[in-house]
Amino acid sequence: MCELLAMSANVPTDICFSFSGLMQRGGNTGPHKDGWGITFYEGKGCRSFKDPLPSAESAIARLVTEYPIKSEAVVCHIRQANSGAVCLENTHPFIRQMWGRNWTYAHNGQLKDFQKELPIKFHLPIGTTDSEHAFCWIMDQLHLQFGSHIPNDIELFSFVAHLSEKINKLGVFNLIITNGECLFAYCSNNLHWITRRAPFGKASLIDAEMEVDFHQETTANDVVTVIATKPLTDDETWQKMSAGQWQLFRLGEAIAKGAEGLAG
């Protein structure tokens, strides 16, 4: 399967350290060699880098590790293809627009009968993956549920949690989705997160010989949450999400959570 990485922070922060570890799993320390992508938010704008090549071999991935783009919301994905060919249009993350904002989505898992069970009308896929199809279905359902009315964050993402439960019944559906302000994570079977805040310490990557002293890189007021399929460091305490659990983050802080059967 694929692996996910995301970040929510209360100040513009780069993700070079975490991405340096994840990219090694794309064809070096891991089998996820069928492409990768990352999206950074800057206000309402976002910029994406994608490559159907393995991230461990990608010159674009090396650029991302060396170019400290500062962002408050980031979504990243490395792919091990199981639905759709290895090509740029099937490479996560996927982006759509709604209510004047860019929505970014990445999925880890595999879905059965998705075309039959998740009929779509308004948001049409560009590629052929089950992942993008499910994203388009979610966007359709948001349009049908709320129309031009923009709900508050809790109402909106509680509904996304409800939709995630439905999709999860079709297989494995580990999800990261953001509108650039809130970052939502749904766990089907494997997802971890960690919130870093003062007092900051040191951390070492599992997949690369790299250590960072966050105390030297941050201020006392910084709050940064990182979400990943598997922990990226071996000297920090990561929180493992349970099956059917979801978390909602904004500016690095957890603002809502739930479990299967308890979503709105």
Foldseek 3Di string as FASTA:
>chain_A
DKKKKKKAKLWFWFPLVLLVLVLCLQVHVHPLAQKKKKWADDPQDIDMDIDRGRSVPDPVNVVSNVDGGTHRIMIMMGHDDDWFDRDGLPYDFDWDDDLSGIKTKDKDWAFPPLCPQQPADDQDRPTTGSRSSLVRSLVRVLCVVQPNHDDDPQVSVLVVLVSQLSRLVRTFTWMWMDRRFKIKTAGAAFKKKDKDAPPFAKWAFPRDGDMDGVNVVDDRGMIMMMMMRDDGTDPDDIGIDHHQKMFMDGNRDTDDIDGPPPRD
